[in-house]
Amino acid sequence: ALTGKESYQLPRPMLDVGYDFSFSGLKSA
């Protein structure tokens, strides 16, 4: 990541919802 570019638009699951987390959708993307 230190040498790459943010070239792909990936989701930020549950970003605007409370304090819980979810990373399965990001992994699938």
mmCIF file of all heavy atoms, coordinates in Angstrom:
data_MODEL
# 
_entry.id   MODEL 
# 
loop_
_atom_site.group_PDB 
_atom_site.id 
_atom_site.type_symbol 
_atom_site.label_atom_id 
_atom_site.label_alt_id 
_atom_site.label_comp_id 
_atom_site.label_asym_id 
_atom_site.label_entity_id 
_atom_site.label_seq_id 
_atom_site.pdbx_PDB_ins_code 
_atom_site.Cartn_x 
_atom_site.Cartn_y 
_atom_site.Cartn_z 
_atom_site.occupancy 
_atom_site.B_iso_or_equiv 
_atom_site.pdbx_formal_charge 
_atom_site.auth_seq_id 
_atom_site.auth_comp_id 
_atom_site.auth_asym_id 
_atom_site.auth_atom_id 
_atom_site.pdbx_PDB_model_num 
ATOM 1   N N   . ALA A 1 1  ? 0.817   -1.212  0.000   1.00 0.00 ? 1  ALA A N   1 
ATOM 2   C CA  . ALA A 1 1  ? 0.000   0.000   0.000   1.00 0.00 ? 1  ALA A CA  1 
ATOM 3   C C   . ALA A 1 1  ? 0.853   1.265   0.000   1.00 0.00 ? 1  ALA A C   1 
ATOM 4   O O   . ALA A 1 1  ? 0.438   2.294   -0.556  1.00 0.00 ? 1  ALA A O   1 
ATOM 5   C CB  . ALA A 1 1  ? -0.926  -0.004  1.208   1.00 0.00 ? 1  ALA A CB  1 
ATOM 6   N N   . LEU A 1 2  ? 2.038   1.186   0.578   1.00 0.00 ? 2  LEU A N   1 
ATOM 7   C CA  . LEU A 1 2  ? 2.901   2.361   0.648   1.00 0.00 ? 2  LEU A CA  1 
ATOM 8   C C   . LEU A 1 2  ? 3.422   2.776   -0.721  1.00 0.00 ? 2  LEU A C   1 
ATOM 9   O O   . LEU A 1 2  ? 3.780   3.943   -0.922  1.00 0.00 ? 2  LEU A O   1 
ATOM 10  C CB  . LEU A 1 2  ? 4.076   2.083   1.596   1.00 0.00 ? 2  LEU A CB  1 
ATOM 11  C CG  . LEU A 1 2  ? 3.719   1.905   3.079   1.00 0.00 ? 2  LEU A CG  1 
ATOM 12  C CD1 . LEU A 1 2  ? 4.963   1.548   3.881   1.00 0.00 ? 2  LEU A CD1 1 
ATOM 13  C CD2 . LEU A 1 2  ? 3.075   3.173   3.638   1.00 0.00 ? 2  LEU A CD2 1 
ATOM 14  N N   . THR A 1 3  ? 3.458   1.839   -1.666  1.00 0.00 ? 3  THR A N   1 
ATOM 15  C CA  . THR A 1 3  ? 3.978   2.143   -3.004  1.00 0.00 ? 3  THR A CA  1 
ATOM 16  C C   . THR A 1 3  ? 2.882   2.194   -4.069  1.00 0.00 ? 3  THR A C   1 
ATOM 17  O O   . THR A 1 3  ? 3.140   2.538   -5.217  1.00 0.00 ? 3  THR A O   1 
ATOM 18  C CB  . THR A 1 3  ? 5.024   1.095   -3.437  1.00 0.00 ? 3  THR A CB  1 
ATOM 19  O OG1 . THR A 1 3  ? 4.428   -0.214  -3.427  1.00 0.00 ? 3  THR A OG1 1 
ATOM 20  C CG2 . THR A 1 3  ? 6.202   1.097   -2.479  1.00 0.00 ? 3  THR A CG2 1 
ATOM 21  N N   . GLY A 1 4  ? 1.643   1.828   -3.702  1.00 0.00 ? 4  GLY A N   1 
ATOM 22  C CA  . GLY A 1 4  ? 0.550   1.804   -4.669  1.00 0.00 ? 4  GLY A CA  1 
ATOM 23  C C   . GLY A 1 4  ? -0.262  3.084   -4.693  1.00 0.00 ? 4  GLY A C   1 
ATOM 24  O O   . GLY A 1 4  ? -0.032  4.012   -3.902  1.00 0.00 ? 4  GLY A O   1 
ATOM 25  N N   . LYS A 1 5  ? -1.226  3.126   -5.599  1.00 0.00 ? 5  LYS A N   1 
ATOM 26  C CA  . LYS A 1 5  ? -2.129  4.265   -5.726  1.00 0.00 ? 5  LYS A CA  1 
ATOM 27  C C   . LYS A 1 5  ? -3.556  3.802   -5.454  1.00 0.00 ? 5  LYS A C   1 
ATOM 28  O O   . LYS A 1 5  ? -3.907  2.660   -5.738  1.00 0.00 ? 5  LYS A O   1 
ATOM 29  C CB  . LYS A 1 5  ? -2.036  4.857   -7.140  1.00 0.00 ? 5  LYS A CB  1 
ATOM 30  C CG  . LYS A 1 5  ? -0.653  5.370   -7.523  1.00 0.00 ? 5  LYS A CG  1 
ATOM 31  C CD  . LYS A 1 5  ? -0.646  5.884   -8.945  1.00 0.00 ? 5  LYS A CD  1 
ATOM 32  C CE  . LYS A 1 5  ? 0.732   6.390   -9.352  1.00 0.00 ? 5  LYS A CE  1 
ATOM 33  N NZ  . LYS A 1 5  ? 0.743   6.864   -10.764 1.00 0.00 ? 5  LYS A NZ  1 
ATOM 34  N N   . GLU A 1 6  ? -4.370  4.708   -4.957  1.00 0.00 ? 6  GLU A N   1 
ATOM 35  C CA  . GLU A 1 6  ? -5.768  4.386   -4.698  1.00 0.00 ? 6  GLU A CA  1 
ATOM 36  C C   . GLU A 1 6  ? -6.546  4.461   -6.015  1.00 0.00 ? 6  GLU A C   1 
ATOM 37  O O   . GLU A 1 6  ? -7.318  5.386   -6.251  1.00 0.00 ? 6  GLU A O   1 
ATOM 38  C CB  . GLU A 1 6  ? -6.350  5.331   -3.650  1.00 0.00 ? 6  GLU A CB  1 
ATOM 39  C CG  . GLU A 1 6  ? -7.686  4.870   -3.117  1.00 0.00 ? 6  GLU A CG  1 
ATOM 40  C CD  . GLU A 1 6  ? -8.262  5.806   -2.079  1.00 0.00 ? 6  GLU A CD  1 
ATOM 41  O OE1 . GLU A 1 6  ? -7.506  6.644   -1.541  1.00 0.00 ? 6  GLU A OE1 1 
ATOM 42  O OE2 . GLU A 1 6  ? -9.465  5.702   -1.825  1.00 0.00 ? 6  GLU A OE2 1 
ATOM 43  N N   . SER A 1 7  ? -6.322  3.457   -6.860  1.00 0.00 ? 7  SER A N   1 
ATOM 44  C CA  . SER A 1 7  ? -6.876  3.459   -8.211  1.00 0.00 ? 7  SER A CA  1 
ATOM 45  C C   . SER A 1 7  ? -8.264  2.852   -8.304  1.00 0.00 ? 7  SER A C   1 
ATOM 46  O O   . SER A 1 7  ? -8.948  3.023   -9.319  1.00 0.00 ? 7  SER A O   1 
ATOM 47  C CB  . SER A 1 7  ? -5.934  2.689   -9.158  1.00 0.00 ? 7  SER A CB  1 
ATOM 48  O OG  . SER A 1 7  ? -4.639  3.242   -9.140  1.00 0.00 ? 7  SER A OG  1 
ATOM 49  N N   . TYR A 1 8  ? -8.673  2.108   -7.296  1.00 0.00 ? 8  TYR A N   1 
ATOM 50  C CA  . TYR A 1 8  ? -9.948  1.401   -7.342  1.00 0.00 ? 8  TYR A CA  1 
ATOM 51  C C   . TYR A 1 8  ? -10.898 1.978   -6.291  1.00 0.00 ? 8  TYR A C   1 
ATOM 52  O O   . TYR A 1 8  ? -10.518 2.172   -5.141  1.00 0.00 ? 8  TYR A O   1 
ATOM 53  C CB  . TYR A 1 8  ? -9.737  -0.093  -7.094  1.00 0.00 ? 8  TYR A CB  1 
ATOM 54  C CG  . TYR A 1 8  ? -8.739  -0.711  -8.037  1.00 0.00 ? 8  TYR A CG  1 
ATOM 55  C CD1 . TYR A 1 8  ? -7.426  -0.982  -7.620  1.00 0.00 ? 8  TYR A CD1 1 
ATOM 56  C CD2 . TYR A 1 8  ? -9.077  -1.013  -9.349  1.00 0.00 ? 8  TYR A CD2 1 
ATOM 57  C CE1 . TYR A 1 8  ? -6.493  -1.537  -8.481  1.00 0.00 ? 8  TYR A CE1 1 
ATOM 58  C CE2 . TYR A 1 8  ? -8.144  -1.574  -10.230 1.00 0.00 ? 8  TYR A CE2 1 
ATOM 59  C CZ  . TYR A 1 8  ? -6.858  -1.822  -9.778  1.00 0.00 ? 8  TYR A CZ  1 
ATOM 60  O OH  . TYR A 1 8  ? -5.941  -2.370  -10.640 1.00 0.00 ? 8  TYR A OH  1 
ATOM 61  N N   . GLN A 1 9  ? -12.122 2.248   -6.726  1.00 0.00 ? 9  GLN A N   1 
ATOM 62  C CA  . GLN A 1 9  ? -13.129 2.775   -5.819  1.00 0.00 ? 9  GLN A CA  1 
ATOM 63  C C   . GLN A 1 9  ? -13.768 1.630   -5.043  1.00 0.00 ? 9  GLN A C   1 
ATOM 64  O O   . GLN A 1 9  ? -14.533 0.847   -5.590  1.00 0.00 ? 9  GLN A O   1 
ATOM 65  C CB  . GLN A 1 9  ? -14.187 3.549   -6.612  1.00 0.00 ? 9  GLN A CB  1 
ATOM 66  C CG  . GLN A 1 9  ? -13.656 4.779   -7.309  1.00 0.00 ? 9  GLN A CG  1 
ATOM 67  C CD  . GLN A 1 9  ? -13.057 5.779   -6.322  1.00 0.00 ? 9  GLN A CD  1 
ATOM 68  O OE1 . GLN A 1 9  ? -13.670 6.099   -5.311  1.00 0.00 ? 9  GLN A OE1 1 
ATOM 69  N NE2 . GLN A 1 9  ? -11.849 6.261   -6.626  1.00 0.00 ? 9  GLN A NE2 1 
ATOM 70  N N   . LEU A 1 10 ? -13.435 1.525   -3.793  1.00 0.00 ? 10 LEU A N   1 
ATOM 71  C CA  . LEU A 1 10 ? -13.947 0.452   -2.952  1.00 0.00 ? 10 LEU A CA  1 
ATOM 72  C C   . LEU A 1 10 ? -14.906 1.011   -1.895  1.00 0.00 ? 10 LEU A C   1 
ATOM 73  O O   . LEU A 1 10 ? -14.759 2.155   -1.471  1.00 0.00 ? 10 LEU A O   1 
ATOM 74  C CB  . LEU A 1 10 ? -12.787 -0.272  -2.261  1.00 0.00 ? 10 LEU A CB  1 
ATOM 75  C CG  . LEU A 1 10 ? -11.793 -0.979  -3.188  1.00 0.00 ? 10 LEU A CG  1 
ATOM 76  C CD1 . LEU A 1 10 ? -10.645 -1.581  -2.376  1.00 0.00 ? 10 LEU A CD1 1 
ATOM 77  C CD2 . LEU A 1 10 ? -12.475 -2.054  -4.016  1.00 0.00 ? 10 LEU A CD2 1 
ATOM 78  N N   . PRO A 1 11 ? -15.869 0.206   -1.464  1.00 0.00 ? 11 PRO A N   1 
ATOM 79  C CA  . PRO A 1 11 ? -16.860 0.679   -0.493  1.00 0.00 ? 11 PRO A CA  1 
ATOM 80  C C   . PRO A 1 11 ? -16.265 0.856   0.902   1.00 0.00 ? 11 PRO A C   1 
ATOM 81  O O   . PRO A 1 11 ? -15.243 0.263   1.245   1.00 0.00 ? 11 PRO A O   1 
ATOM 82  C CB  . PRO A 1 11 ? -17.902 -0.437  -0.497  1.00 0.00 ? 11 PRO A CB  1 
ATOM 83  C CG  . PRO A 1 11 ? -17.125 -1.666  -0.865  1.00 0.00 ? 11 PRO A CG  1 
ATOM 84  C CD  . PRO A 1 11 ? -16.117 -1.197  -1.873  1.00 0.00 ? 11 PRO A CD  1 
ATOM 85  N N   . ARG A 1 12 ? -16.928 1.690   1.675   1.00 0.00 ? 12 ARG A N   1 
ATOM 86  C CA  . ARG A 1 12 ? -16.612 1.892   3.093   1.00 0.00 ? 12 ARG A CA  1 
ATOM 87  C C   . ARG A 1 12 ? -17.813 1.399   3.891   1.00 0.00 ? 12 ARG A C   1 
ATOM 88  O O   . ARG A 1 12 ? -18.684 2.188   4.250   1.00 0.00 ? 12 ARG A O   1 
ATOM 89  C CB  . ARG A 1 12 ? -16.376 3.363   3.416   1.00 0.00 ? 12 ARG A CB  1 
ATOM 90  C CG  . ARG A 1 12 ? -14.943 3.863   3.211   1.00 0.00 ? 12 ARG A CG  1 
ATOM 91  C CD  . ARG A 1 12 ? -14.520 3.953   1.786   1.00 0.00 ? 12 ARG A CD  1 
ATOM 92  N NE  . ARG A 1 12 ? -13.245 4.687   1.667   1.00 0.00 ? 12 ARG A NE  1 
ATOM 93  C CZ  . ARG A 1 12 ? -12.447 4.596   0.624   1.00 0.00 ? 12 ARG A CZ  1 
ATOM 94  N NH1 . ARG A 1 12 ? -12.762 3.790   -0.394  1.00 0.00 ? 12 ARG A NH1 1 
ATOM 95  N NH2 . ARG A 1 12 ? -11.326 5.299   0.573   1.00 0.00 ? 12 ARG A NH2 1 
ATOM 96  N N   . PRO A 1 13 ? -17.911 0.099   4.161   1.00 0.00 ? 13 PRO A N   1 
ATOM 97  C CA  . PRO A 1 13 ? -19.115 -0.461  4.795   1.00 0.00 ? 13 PRO A CA  1 
ATOM 98  C C   . PRO A 1 13 ? -19.434 0.180   6.141   1.00 0.00 ? 13 PRO A C   1 
ATOM 99  O O   . PRO A 1 13 ? -18.553 0.369   6.975   1.00 0.00 ? 13 PRO A O   1 
ATOM 100 C CB  . PRO A 1 13 ? -18.768 -1.945  4.961   1.00 0.00 ? 13 PRO A CB  1 
ATOM 101 C CG  . PRO A 1 13 ? -17.718 -2.209  3.928   1.00 0.00 ? 13 PRO A CG  1 
ATOM 102 C CD  . PRO A 1 13 ? -16.925 -0.945  3.852   1.00 0.00 ? 13 PRO A CD  1 
ATOM 103 N N   . MET A 1 14 ? -20.691 0.524   6.331   1.00 0.00 ? 14 MET A N   1 
ATOM 104 C CA  . MET A 1 14 ? -21.222 1.059   7.596   1.00 0.00 ? 14 MET A CA  1 
ATOM 105 C C   . MET A 1 14 ? -20.503 2.332   8.041   1.00 0.00 ? 14 MET A C   1 
ATOM 106 O O   . MET A 1 14 ? -20.489 2.654   9.226   1.00 0.00 ? 14 MET A O   1 
ATOM 107 C CB  . MET A 1 14 ? -21.153 -0.005  8.703   1.00 0.00 ? 14 MET A CB  1 
ATOM 108 C CG  . MET A 1 14 ? -21.943 -1.270  8.410   1.00 0.00 ? 14 MET A CG  1 
ATOM 109 S SD  . MET A 1 14 ? -21.935 -2.474  9.770   1.00 0.00 ? 14 MET A SD  1 
ATOM 110 C CE  . MET A 1 14 ? -22.972 -1.617  10.984  1.00 0.00 ? 14 MET A CE  1 
ATOM 111 N N   . LEU A 1 15 ? -19.925 3.054   7.104   1.00 0.00 ? 15 LEU A N   1 
ATOM 112 C CA  . LEU A 1 15 ? -19.144 4.241   7.442   1.00 0.00 ? 15 LEU A CA  1 
ATOM 113 C C   . LEU A 1 15 ? -19.962 5.260   8.237   1.00 0.00 ? 15 LEU A C   1 
ATOM 114 O O   . LEU A 1 15 ? -19.464 5.856   9.201   1.00 0.00 ? 15 LEU A O   1 
ATOM 115 C CB  . LEU A 1 15 ? -18.605 4.903   6.171   1.00 0.00 ? 15 LEU A CB  1 
ATOM 116 C CG  . LEU A 1 15 ? -17.708 6.119   6.371   1.00 0.00 ? 15 LEU A CG  1 
ATOM 117 C CD1 . LEU A 1 15 ? -16.392 5.710   7.018   1.00 0.00 ? 15 LEU A CD1 1 
ATOM 118 C CD2 . LEU A 1 15 ? -17.453 6.821   5.038   1.00 0.00 ? 15 LEU A CD2 1 
ATOM 119 N N   . ASP A 1 16 ? -21.204 5.457   7.854   1.00 0.00 ? 16 ASP A N   1 
ATOM 120 C CA  . ASP A 1 16 ? -22.035 6.487   8.471   1.00 0.00 ? 16 ASP A CA  1 
ATOM 121 C C   . ASP A 1 16 ? -23.041 5.934   9.476   1.00 0.00 ? 16 ASP A C   1 
ATOM 122 O O   . ASP A 1 16 ? -23.993 6.618   9.847   1.00 0.00 ? 16 ASP A O   1 
ATOM 123 C CB  . ASP A 1 16 ? -22.782 7.266   7.379   1.00 0.00 ? 16 ASP A CB  1 
ATOM 124 C CG  . ASP A 1 16 ? -21.823 7.938   6.400   1.00 0.00 ? 16 ASP A CG  1 
ATOM 125 O OD1 . ASP A 1 16 ? -20.812 8.489   6.866   1.00 0.00 ? 16 ASP A OD1 1 
ATOM 126 O OD2 . ASP A 1 16 ? -22.083 7.890   5.179   1.00 0.00 ? 16 ASP A OD2 1 
ATOM 127 N N   . VAL A 1 17 ? -22.828 4.689   9.895   1.00 0.00 ? 17 VAL A N   1 
ATOM 128 C CA  . VAL A 1 17 ? -23.792 4.032   10.782  1.00 0.00 ? 17 VAL A CA  1 
ATOM 129 C C   . VAL A 1 17 ? -23.129 3.647   12.098  1.00 0.00 ? 17 VAL A C   1 
ATOM 130 O O   . VAL A 1 17 ? -22.331 2.709   12.150  1.00 0.00 ? 17 VAL A O   1 
ATOM 131 C CB  . VAL A 1 17 ? -24.387 2.771   10.120  1.00 0.00 ? 17 VAL A CB  1 
ATOM 132 C CG1 . VAL A 1 17 ? -25.424 2.130   11.038  1.00 0.00 ? 17 VAL A CG1 1 
ATOM 133 C CG2 . VAL A 1 17 ? -24.988 3.113   8.767   1.00 0.00 ? 17 VAL A CG2 1 
ATOM 134 N N   . GLY A 1 18 ? -23.436 4.360   13.159  1.00 0.00 ? 18 GLY A N   1 
ATOM 135 C CA  . GLY A 1 18 ? -23.034 3.977   14.507  1.00 0.00 ? 18 GLY A CA  1 
ATOM 136 C C   . GLY A 1 18 ? -21.561 3.650   14.681  1.00 0.00 ? 18 GLY A C   1 
ATOM 137 O O   . GLY A 1 18 ? -20.681 4.237   14.050  1.00 0.00 ? 18 GLY A O   1 
ATOM 138 N N   . TYR A 1 19 ? -21.317 2.657   15.546  1.00 0.00 ? 19 TYR A N   1 
ATOM 139 C CA  . TYR A 1 19 ? -19.951 2.273   15.896  1.00 0.00 ? 19 TYR A CA  1 
ATOM 140 C C   . TYR A 1 19 ? -19.587 0.844   15.484  1.00 0.00 ? 19 TYR A C   1 
ATOM 141 O O   . TYR A 1 19 ? -18.445 0.426   15.671  1.00 0.00 ? 19 TYR A O   1 
ATOM 142 C CB  . TYR A 1 19 ? -19.745 2.408   17.406  1.00 0.00 ? 19 TYR A CB  1 
ATOM 143 C CG  . TYR A 1 19 ? -19.802 3.835   17.896  1.00 0.00 ? 19 TYR A CG  1 
ATOM 144 C CD1 . TYR A 1 19 ? -20.782 4.247   18.801  1.00 0.00 ? 19 TYR A CD1 1 
ATOM 145 C CD2 . TYR A 1 19 ? -18.878 4.772   17.457  1.00 0.00 ? 19 TYR A CD2 1 
ATOM 146 C CE1 . TYR A 1 19 ? -20.834 5.550   19.255  1.00 0.00 ? 19 TYR A CE1 1 
ATOM 147 C CE2 . TYR A 1 19 ? -18.921 6.085   17.900  1.00 0.00 ? 19 TYR A CE2 1 
ATOM 148 C CZ  . TYR A 1 19 ? -19.906 6.471   18.795  1.00 0.00 ? 19 TYR A CZ  1 
ATOM 149 O OH  . TYR A 1 19 ? -19.948 7.769   19.240  1.00 0.00 ? 19 TYR A OH  1 
ATOM 150 N N   . ASP A 1 20 ? -20.531 0.100   14.939  1.00 0.00 ? 20 ASP A N   1 
ATOM 151 C CA  . ASP A 1 20 ? -20.224 -1.264  14.517  1.00 0.00 ? 20 ASP A CA  1 
ATOM 152 C C   . ASP A 1 20 ? -19.458 -1.265  13.200  1.00 0.00 ? 20 ASP A C   1 
ATOM 153 O O   . ASP A 1 20 ? -19.490 -0.294  12.432  1.00 0.00 ? 20 ASP A O   1 
ATOM 154 C CB  . ASP A 1 20 ? -21.507 -2.088  14.378  1.00 0.00 ? 20 ASP A CB  1 
ATOM 155 C CG  . ASP A 1 20 ? -22.105 -2.480  15.720  1.00 0.00 ? 20 ASP A CG  1 
ATOM 156 O OD1 . ASP A 1 20 ? -21.327 -2.632  16.678  1.00 0.00 ? 20 ASP A OD1 1 
ATOM 157 O OD2 . ASP A 1 20 ? -23.329 -2.637  15.808  1.00 0.00 ? 20 ASP A OD2 1 
ATOM 158 N N   . PHE A 1 21 ? -18.790 -2.388  12.936  1.00 0.00 ? 21 PHE A N   1 
ATOM 159 C CA  . PHE A 1 21 ? -17.962 -2.528  11.750  1.00 0.00 ? 21 PHE A CA  1 
ATOM 160 C C   . PHE A 1 21 ? -18.444 -3.702  10.900  1.00 0.00 ? 21 PHE A C   1 
ATOM 161 O O   . PHE A 1 21 ? -19.075 -4.634  11.400  1.00 0.00 ? 21 PHE A O   1 
ATOM 162 C CB  . PHE A 1 21 ? -16.497 -2.791  12.139  1.00 0.00 ? 21 PHE A CB  1 
ATOM 163 C CG  . PHE A 1 21 ? -15.879 -1.727  12.987  1.00 0.00 ? 21 PHE A CG  1 
ATOM 164 C CD1 . PHE A 1 21 ? -15.963 -1.793  14.381  1.00 0.00 ? 21 PHE A CD1 1 
ATOM 165 C CD2 . PHE A 1 21 ? -15.196 -0.671  12.430  1.00 0.00 ? 21 PHE A CD2 1 
ATOM 166 C CE1 . PHE A 1 21 ? -15.383 -0.823  15.181  1.00 0.00 ? 21 PHE A CE1 1 
ATOM 167 C CE2 . PHE A 1 21 ? -14.610 0.312   13.222  1.00 0.00 ? 21 PHE A CE2 1 
ATOM 168 C CZ  . PHE A 1 21 ? -14.709 0.227   14.603  1.00 0.00 ? 21 PHE A CZ  1 
ATOM 169 N N   . SER A 1 22 ? -18.089 -3.665  9.611   1.00 0.00 ? 22 SER A N   1 
ATOM 170 C CA  . SER A 1 22 ? -18.313 -4.790  8.707   1.00 0.00 ? 22 SER A CA  1 
ATOM 171 C C   . SER A 1 22 ? -17.271 -4.706  7.607   1.00 0.00 ? 22 SER A C   1 
ATOM 172 O O   . SER A 1 22 ? -17.109 -3.655  6.972   1.00 0.00 ? 22 SER A O   1 
ATOM 173 C CB  . SER A 1 22 ? -19.720 -4.730  8.104   1.00 0.00 ? 22 SER A CB  1 
ATOM 174 O OG  . SER A 1 22 ? -19.861 -5.711  7.088   1.00 0.00 ? 22 SER A OG  1 
ATOM 175 N N   . PHE A 1 23 ? -16.564 -5.801  7.387   1.00 0.00 ? 23 PHE A N   1 
ATOM 176 C CA  . PHE A 1 23 ? -15.518 -5.798  6.377   1.00 0.00 ? 23 PHE A CA  1 
ATOM 177 C C   . PHE A 1 23 ? -15.718 -6.864  5.303   1.00 0.00 ? 23 PHE A C   1 
ATOM 178 O O   . PHE A 1 23 ? -14.917 -6.961  4.370   1.00 0.00 ? 23 PHE A O   1 
ATOM 179 C CB  . PHE A 1 23 ? -14.148 -5.968  7.040   1.00 0.00 ? 23 PHE A CB  1 
ATOM 180 C CG  . PHE A 1 23 ? -13.740 -4.787  7.869   1.00 0.00 ? 23 PHE A CG  1 
ATOM 181 C CD1 . PHE A 1 23 ? -13.924 -4.795  9.245   1.00 0.00 ? 23 PHE A CD1 1 
ATOM 182 C CD2 . PHE A 1 23 ? -13.207 -3.655  7.278   1.00 0.00 ? 23 PHE A CD2 1 
ATOM 183 C CE1 . PHE A 1 23 ? -13.575 -3.707  10.022  1.00 0.00 ? 23 PHE A CE1 1 
ATOM 184 C CE2 . PHE A 1 23 ? -12.853 -2.547  8.043   1.00 0.00 ? 23 PHE A CE2 1 
ATOM 185 C CZ  . PHE A 1 23 ? -13.039 -2.578  9.425   1.00 0.00 ? 23 PHE A CZ  1 
ATOM 186 N N   . SER A 1 24 ? -16.768 -7.668  5.412   1.00 0.00 ? 24 SER A N   1 
ATOM 187 C CA  . SER A 1 24 ? -16.981 -8.717  4.409   1.00 0.00 ? 24 SER A CA  1 
ATOM 188 C C   . SER A 1 24 ? -17.306 -8.112  3.047   1.00 0.00 ? 24 SER A C   1 
ATOM 189 O O   . SER A 1 24 ? -16.871 -8.614  2.010   1.00 0.00 ? 24 SER A O   1 
ATOM 190 C CB  . SER A 1 24 ? -18.098 -9.664  4.860   1.00 0.00 ? 24 SER A CB  1 
ATOM 191 O OG  . SER A 1 24 ? -19.326 -8.982  4.988   1.00 0.00 ? 24 SER A OG  1 
ATOM 192 N N   . GLY A 1 25 ? -18.088 -7.032  3.022   1.00 0.00 ? 25 GLY A N   1 
ATOM 193 C CA  . GLY A 1 25 ? -18.423 -6.400  1.754   1.00 0.00 ? 25 GLY A CA  1 
ATOM 194 C C   . GLY A 1 25 ? -17.213 -5.796  1.073   1.00 0.00 ? 25 GLY A C   1 
ATOM 195 O O   . GLY A 1 25 ? -17.070 -5.869  -0.150  1.00 0.00 ? 25 GLY A O   1 
ATOM 196 N N   . LEU A 1 26 ? -16.337 -5.213  1.859   1.00 0.00 ? 26 LEU A N   1 
ATOM 197 C CA  . LEU A 1 26 ? -15.098 -4.645  1.313   1.00 0.00 ? 26 LEU A CA  1 
ATOM 198 C C   . LEU A 1 26 ? -14.230 -5.749  0.743   1.00 0.00 ? 26 LEU A C   1 
ATOM 199 O O   . LEU A 1 26 ? -13.667 -5.617  -0.358  1.00 0.00 ? 26 LEU A O   1 
ATOM 200 C CB  . LEU A 1 26 ? -14.358 -3.890  2.415   1.00 0.00 ? 26 LEU A CB  1 
ATOM 201 C CG  . LEU A 1 26 ? -12.965 -3.353  2.069   1.00 0.00 ? 26 LEU A CG  1 
ATOM 202 C CD1 . LEU A 1 26 ? -13.004 -2.420  0.871   1.00 0.00 ? 26 LEU A CD1 1 
ATOM 203 C CD2 . LEU A 1 26 ? -12.364 -2.640  3.290   1.00 0.00 ? 26 LEU A CD2 1 
ATOM 204 N N   . LYS A 1 27 ? -14.131 -6.840  1.451   1.00 0.00 ? 27 LYS A N   1 
ATOM 205 C CA  . LYS A 1 27 ? -13.351 -7.985  0.982   1.00 0.00 ? 27 LYS A CA  1 
ATOM 206 C C   . LYS A 1 27 ? -13.924 -8.523  -0.336  1.00 0.00 ? 27 LYS A C   1 
ATOM 207 O O   . LYS A 1 27 ? -13.165 -8.830  -1.274  1.00 0.00 ? 27 LYS A O   1 
ATOM 208 C CB  . LYS A 1 27 ? -13.375 -9.078  2.053   1.00 0.00 ? 27 LYS A CB  1 
ATOM 209 C CG  . LYS A 1 27 ? -12.663 -10.365 1.695   1.00 0.00 ? 27 LYS A CG  1 
ATOM 210 C CD  . LYS A 1 27 ? -13.011 -11.437 2.704   1.00 0.00 ? 27 LYS A CD  1 
ATOM 211 C CE  . LYS A 1 27 ? -14.493 -11.770 2.665   1.00 0.00 ? 27 LYS A CE  1 
ATOM 212 N NZ  . LYS A 1 27 ? -14.877 -12.811 3.629   1.00 0.00 ? 27 LYS A NZ  1 
ATOM 213 N N   . SER A 1 28 ? -15.242 -8.607  -0.449  1.00 0.00 ? 28 SER A N   1 
ATOM 214 C CA  . SER A 1 28 ? -15.887 -9.098  -1.673  1.00 0.00 ? 28 SER A CA  1 
ATOM 215 C C   . SER A 1 28 ? -15.647 -8.142  -2.837  1.00 0.00 ? 28 SER A C   1 
ATOM 216 O O   . SER A 1 28 ? -15.454 -8.571  -3.978  1.00 0.00 ? 28 SER A O   1 
ATOM 217 C CB  . SER A 1 28 ? -17.394 -9.272  -1.444  1.00 0.00 ? 28 SER A CB  1 
ATOM 218 O OG  . SER A 1 28 ? -17.640 -10.248 -0.447  1.00 0.00 ? 28 SER A OG  1 
ATOM 219 N N   . ALA A 1 29 ? -15.646 -6.839  -2.555  1.00 0.00 ? 29 ALA A N   1 
ATOM 220 C CA  . ALA A 1 29 ? -15.395 -5.855  -3.598  1.00 0.00 ? 29 ALA A CA  1 
ATOM 221 C C   . ALA A 1 29 ? -13.977 -5.988  -4.145  1.00 0.00 ? 29 ALA A C   1 
ATOM 222 O O   . ALA A 1 29 ? -13.746 -5.852  -5.357  1.00 0.00 ? 29 ALA A O   1 
ATOM 223 C CB  . ALA A 1 29 ? -15.622 -4.453  -3.046  1.00 0.00 ? 29 ALA A CB  1 
# 
